[in-house]
């Protein structure tokens, strides 16, 4: 069993969500639907990583 308590996944998820937020807003401001879509995808991936981290934390309790 890994000693990872989920923090790594949660941090990675938060960073990915922040990156996605920037891309989405930049895409919206520049009328670039591809960048906006990439931002939404990144935010979704970030949420998945955060959820995995939370599950790891719950599992270890």
Protein backbone atom coordinates (compact mmCIF):
# COMPACT_ATOMS: atom_id res chain seq x y z
CA UNK A 1 0.00 0.00 0.00
CA UNK A 2 1.32 3.41 -0.90
CA UNK A 3 2.02 5.87 1.88
CA UNK A 4 0.49 8.62 -0.27
CA UNK A 5 -2.25 10.27 1.76
CA UNK A 6 -3.90 11.88 -1.23
CA UNK A 7 -2.31 15.29 -0.79
CA UNK A 8 -0.26 14.90 -3.98
CA UNK A 9 -3.41 14.24 -6.01
CA UNK A 10 -5.28 17.10 -4.38
CA UNK A 11 -2.45 19.55 -5.11
CA UNK A 12 -2.12 18.34 -8.69
CA UNK A 13 -5.88 18.71 -9.10
CA UNK A 14 -5.93 22.22 -7.70
CA UNK A 15 -3.13 23.28 -10.04
CA UNK A 16 -4.88 21.74 -13.04
CA UNK A 17 -8.16 23.44 -12.13
CA UNK A 18 -6.39 26.81 -11.82
CA UNK A 19 -4.71 26.30 -15.20
CA UNK A 20 -8.06 25.41 -16.72
CA UNK A 21 -9.71 28.48 -15.23
CA UNK A 22 -7.07 30.73 -16.82
CA UNK A 23 -7.42 29.01 -20.20
CA UNK A 24 -11.20 29.17 -20.12
CA UNK A 25 -11.29 32.88 -19.24
CA UNK A 26 -8.58 33.72 -21.77
CA UNK A 27 -10.45 31.78 -24.44
CA UNK A 28 -13.64 33.62 -23.59
CA UNK A 29 -11.90 37.02 -23.63
CA UNK A 30 -10.19 36.35 -26.96
CA UNK A 31 -13.19 34.62 -28.52
CA UNK A 32 -11.21 31.41 -28.88
CA UNK A 33 -13.58 28.45 -28.40
CA UNK A 34 -10.76 25.89 -28.64
CA UNK A 35 -8.90 27.45 -25.72
CA UNK A 36 -12.15 27.77 -23.79
CA UNK A 37 -12.87 24.06 -24.36
CA UNK A 38 -9.33 23.12 -23.29
CA UNK A 39 -9.84 25.10 -20.11
CA UNK A 40 -13.05 23.26 -19.32
CA UNK A 41 -11.31 19.93 -19.95
CA UNK A 42 -8.42 20.89 -17.64
CA UNK A 43 -10.83 21.95 -14.91
CA UNK A 44 -12.58 18.58 -15.20
CA UNK A 45 -9.29 16.69 -14.98
CA UNK A 46 -8.37 18.74 -11.94
CA UNK A 47 -11.62 17.84 -10.23
CA UNK A 48 -10.95 14.15 -10.91
CA UNK A 49 -7.49 14.39 -9.30
CA UNK A 50 -8.94 16.15 -6.27
CA UNK A 51 -11.61 13.46 -5.93
CA UNK A 52 -8.98 10.72 -6.12
CA UNK A 53 -6.98 12.47 -3.40
CA UNK A 54 -10.05 12.74 -1.20
CA UNK A 55 -10.82 9.05 -1.74
CA UNK A 56 -7.28 8.11 -0.74
CA UNK A 57 -7.65 10.17 2.42
CA UNK A 58 -11.00 8.55 3.24
CA UNK A 59 -9.59 5.09 2.59
CA UNK A 60 -6.73 5.58 5.03
CA UNK A 61 -9.06 6.59 7.88
